[in-house]
Protein backbone atom coordinates (compact mmCIF):
# COMPACT_ATOMS: atom_id res chain seq x y z
CA MET A 1 0.00 -0.01 0.00
CA LYS A 2 1.73 3.10 -1.25
CA ASN A 3 -0.05 6.13 0.28
CA ALA A 4 -2.52 4.71 2.79
CA GLN A 5 -1.48 3.90 6.31
CA LYS A 6 -3.38 1.67 8.70
CA SER A 7 -3.79 3.03 12.18
CA GLN A 8 -4.76 -0.46 13.36
CA PRO A 9 -4.51 -3.85 11.70
CA VAL A 10 -7.63 -4.51 9.67
CA ASN A 11 -8.79 -7.69 8.01
CA HIS A 12 -10.17 -7.11 4.50
CA PRO A 13 -11.66 -10.26 3.02
CA HIS A 14 -12.01 -9.72 -0.71
CA GLN A 15 -15.56 -10.94 -1.01
CA PRO A 16 -17.80 -9.57 -3.76
CA VAL A 17 -20.12 -6.82 -2.60
CA ALA A 18 -22.79 -5.24 -4.77
CA PRO A 19 -21.91 -1.58 -5.61
CA GLU A 20 -25.06 -0.29 -3.89
CA GLN A 21 -23.85 -1.90 -0.65
CA CYS A 22 -20.57 0.06 -0.66
CA ALA A 23 -22.19 3.27 0.53
CA THR A 24 -23.85 1.65 3.50
CA SER A 25 -21.50 -1.18 4.38
CA ASP A 26 -19.86 -1.37 7.79
CA LEU A 27 -16.30 -0.99 6.55
CA PRO A 28 -13.68 -0.33 9.22
CA THR A 29 -13.01 3.30 9.97
CA SER A 30 -9.52 2.80 11.34
CA ILE A 31 -7.84 3.81 8.11
CA THR A 32 -6.07 7.13 7.67
CA TYR A 33 -5.23 8.25 4.16
CA SER A 34 -2.37 10.36 2.88
CA GLU A 35 -3.04 13.84 1.56
CA ASP A 36 -2.55 12.51 -1.98
CA VAL A 37 -5.19 9.80 -1.51
CA ILE A 38 -7.59 12.34 0.02
CA ALA A 39 -7.01 14.72 -2.90
CA GLU A 40 -7.67 11.87 -5.33
CA LEU A 41 -10.87 10.92 -3.48
CA ARG A 42 -12.07 14.51 -3.61
CA HIS A 43 -11.30 14.58 -7.36
CA MET A 44 -13.17 11.30 -7.89
CA ILE A 45 -16.19 12.71 -6.00
CA GLU A 46 -16.30 15.74 -8.28
CA GLU A 47 -15.73 13.58 -11.35
CA GLU A 48 -18.68 11.35 -10.47
CA LYS A 49 -20.81 14.44 -9.74
CA MET A 50 -19.85 15.94 -13.11
CA ALA A 51 -20.68 12.72 -14.97
CA GLY A 52 -24.10 12.56 -13.37
CA ASP A 53 -24.76 16.24 -14.07
CA ILE A 54 -23.79 15.86 -17.74
CA TYR A 55 -25.87 12.72 -18.19
CA ASP A 56 -28.89 14.49 -16.66
CA VAL A 57 -28.52 17.32 -19.20
CA LEU A 58 -27.97 14.89 -22.06
CA TYR A 59 -31.09 12.93 -21.12
CA GLN A 60 -33.08 16.16 -21.23
CA GLN A 61 -31.54 17.08 -24.59
CA THR A 62 -31.81 13.68 -26.31
CA GLY A 63 -34.49 11.76 -24.44
CA LEU A 64 -32.27 8.66 -24.63
CA LYS A 65 -32.90 6.42 -21.60
CA ILE A 66 -29.23 5.39 -21.53
CA PHE A 67 -28.40 8.82 -20.13
CA ASP A 68 -31.13 8.61 -17.48
CA ARG A 69 -30.09 5.12 -16.35
CA ILE A 70 -26.39 5.95 -16.22
CA ALA A 71 -27.06 9.27 -14.44
CA THR A 72 -28.85 7.29 -11.73
CA SER A 73 -25.86 4.93 -11.50
CA GLU A 74 -23.46 7.89 -11.26
CA ASP A 75 -25.55 9.17 -8.34
CA ARG A 76 -24.94 5.82 -6.60
CA HIS A 77 -21.23 6.08 -7.39
CA LEU A 78 -21.20 9.56 -5.88
CA GLU A 79 -23.01 8.31 -2.74
CA THR A 80 -20.47 5.51 -2.41
CA LEU A 81 -17.55 7.93 -2.51
CA ILE A 82 -19.20 10.38 -0.13
CA ALA A 83 -19.73 7.51 2.32
CA GLN A 84 -16.05 6.58 2.03
CA ALA A 85 -15.07 10.18 2.76
CA GLU A 86 -17.38 10.31 5.77
CA GLN A 87 -15.99 7.02 7.10
CA GLY A 88 -12.52 8.53 6.82
CA GLY A 89 -13.56 11.74 8.54
CA ILE A 90 -12.99 13.72 5.32
CA ASP A 91 -15.27 16.74 4.88
CA VAL A 92 -16.53 17.03 1.29
CA ASP A 93 -19.49 19.35 1.85
CA ASP A 94 -17.70 22.05 -0.14
CA LEU A 95 -17.96 19.71 -3.15
CA THR A 96 -21.30 18.08 -2.64
CA LEU A 97 -23.30 21.20 -1.80
CA LEU A 98 -22.44 22.90 -5.08
CA PRO A 99 -25.36 23.08 -7.54
CA ALA A 100 -25.46 20.85 -10.61
CA GLY A 101 -22.92 22.01 -13.17
CA GLU A 102 -20.67 23.74 -10.66
CA TYR A 103 -17.34 22.33 -9.44
CA ALA A 104 -14.57 23.44 -7.09
CA ASP A 105 -11.96 21.98 -9.46
CA VAL A 106 -11.40 24.56 -12.22
CA ASP A 107 -10.26 21.87 -14.67
CA LEU A 108 -13.45 19.86 -14.13
CA GLN A 109 -15.51 23.04 -14.55
CA THR A 110 -13.82 23.68 -17.89
CA LEU A 111 -14.24 20.03 -18.92
CA TYR A 112 -17.95 20.15 -18.03
CA THR A 113 -18.50 23.16 -20.30
CA THR A 114 -16.40 21.69 -23.12
CA LEU A 115 -18.16 18.32 -23.00
CA LEU A 116 -21.64 19.84 -22.95
CA THR A 117 -20.78 22.06 -25.90
CA SER A 118 -19.48 19.06 -27.85
CA ALA A 119 -22.45 16.87 -26.88
CA GLY A 120 -24.91 19.48 -28.11
CA GLU A 121 -23.85 18.94 -31.73
CA SER A 122 -25.84 15.70 -32.25
CA THR A 123 -27.13 12.56 -30.56
CA GLU A 124 -24.02 10.75 -31.73
CA ALA A 125 -21.84 13.48 -30.27
CA ALA A 126 -23.70 13.10 -26.96
CA LEU A 127 -23.03 9.36 -26.97
CA LEU A 128 -19.37 10.00 -27.78
CA VAL A 129 -19.16 12.35 -24.80
CA GLY A 130 -20.58 9.56 -22.62
CA GLN A 131 -17.94 7.22 -23.99
CA GLN A 132 -15.21 9.78 -23.28
CA ILE A 133 -16.40 10.38 -19.71
CA GLU A 134 -16.31 6.67 -18.96
CA GLN A 135 -12.87 6.22 -20.53
CA VAL A 136 -11.48 9.01 -18.35
CA ASP A 137 -13.23 7.60 -15.28
CA ILE A 138 -11.79 4.13 -15.92
CA ALA A 139 -8.27 5.53 -16.33
CA ASP A 140 -8.59 7.65 -13.16
CA LEU A 141 -9.98 4.74 -11.13
CA ASN A 142 -7.18 2.43 -12.29
CA GLU A 143 -4.62 5.03 -11.26
CA ALA A 144 -6.30 5.67 -7.89
CA LEU A 145 -6.49 1.93 -7.12
CA ALA A 146 -2.72 1.63 -6.98
CA ASP A 147 -2.59 3.88 -3.92
CA VAL A 148 -5.33 2.26 -1.84
CA VAL A 149 -4.61 -1.47 -1.92
CA GLY A 150 -5.96 -3.23 1.17
CA THR A 151 -8.24 -0.36 2.21
CA PRO A 152 -11.99 0.21 2.03
CA LEU A 153 -11.36 2.64 -0.83
CA GLU A 154 -9.93 -0.22 -2.88
CA THR A 155 -13.28 -2.02 -2.58
CA ALA A 156 -15.24 1.10 -3.49
CA TYR A 157 -13.01 2.02 -6.44
CA THR A 158 -13.11 -1.56 -7.72
CA HIS A 159 -16.92 -1.57 -7.75
CA LEU A 160 -17.00 1.81 -9.43
CA LEU A 161 -14.54 0.56 -12.03
CA VAL A 162 -16.83 -2.36 -12.87
CA GLY A 163 -19.77 0.04 -13.19
CA SER A 164 -17.79 2.42 -15.42
CA GLN A 165 -16.73 -0.47 -17.66
CA GLN A 166 -20.39 -1.42 -18.02
CA HIS A 167 -21.30 2.19 -18.82
CA LEU A 168 -18.56 2.32 -21.45
CA SER A 169 -19.85 -0.92 -23.02
CA ALA A 170 -23.37 0.52 -23.11
CA PHE A 171 -22.25 3.70 -24.88
CA GLU A 172 -20.14 1.71 -27.32
CA GLY A 173 -23.14 -0.51 -28.02
CA TRP A 174 -25.26 2.51 -28.86
CA LEU A 175 -22.44 3.81 -31.09
CA GLY A 176 -22.13 0.42 -32.84
CA LEU A 177 -18.54 -0.07 -31.72
């Protein structure tokens, strides 16, 4: 485990858990995370929020149910990460209380605007934006996983990764890829 330190020994059986159980599971709270891991968690929270916000807008624009279903899933991803932050004593209210379409991270704010502009060109462009969001999410989750091996965040990120891979497959199916 590179950046996470255990304050007490913790047993982590690697048993499958449904993603919706991650937010409410009784994972140990005796883990303290490095500043880098906390920063990454905060970024992941905003990234999940942004994805859900974009998919909500794209559902309104296109009427395609794929955006509605995946927006709902992104909300569950966001809840999972917020629960992880709360279990670690990490305050993320400054992120979660922002209205839809607003982000503390300037780069994510710019990305949100850029993606929505691109998605507005056509239904295919909207689906391509969905594909792009999931590809970025998968890459970010894979990178974040390296720093949280053996911690509750590993379990949460792993479940989110599976969900993002399914979202990517869904968008690629709609695009005929």
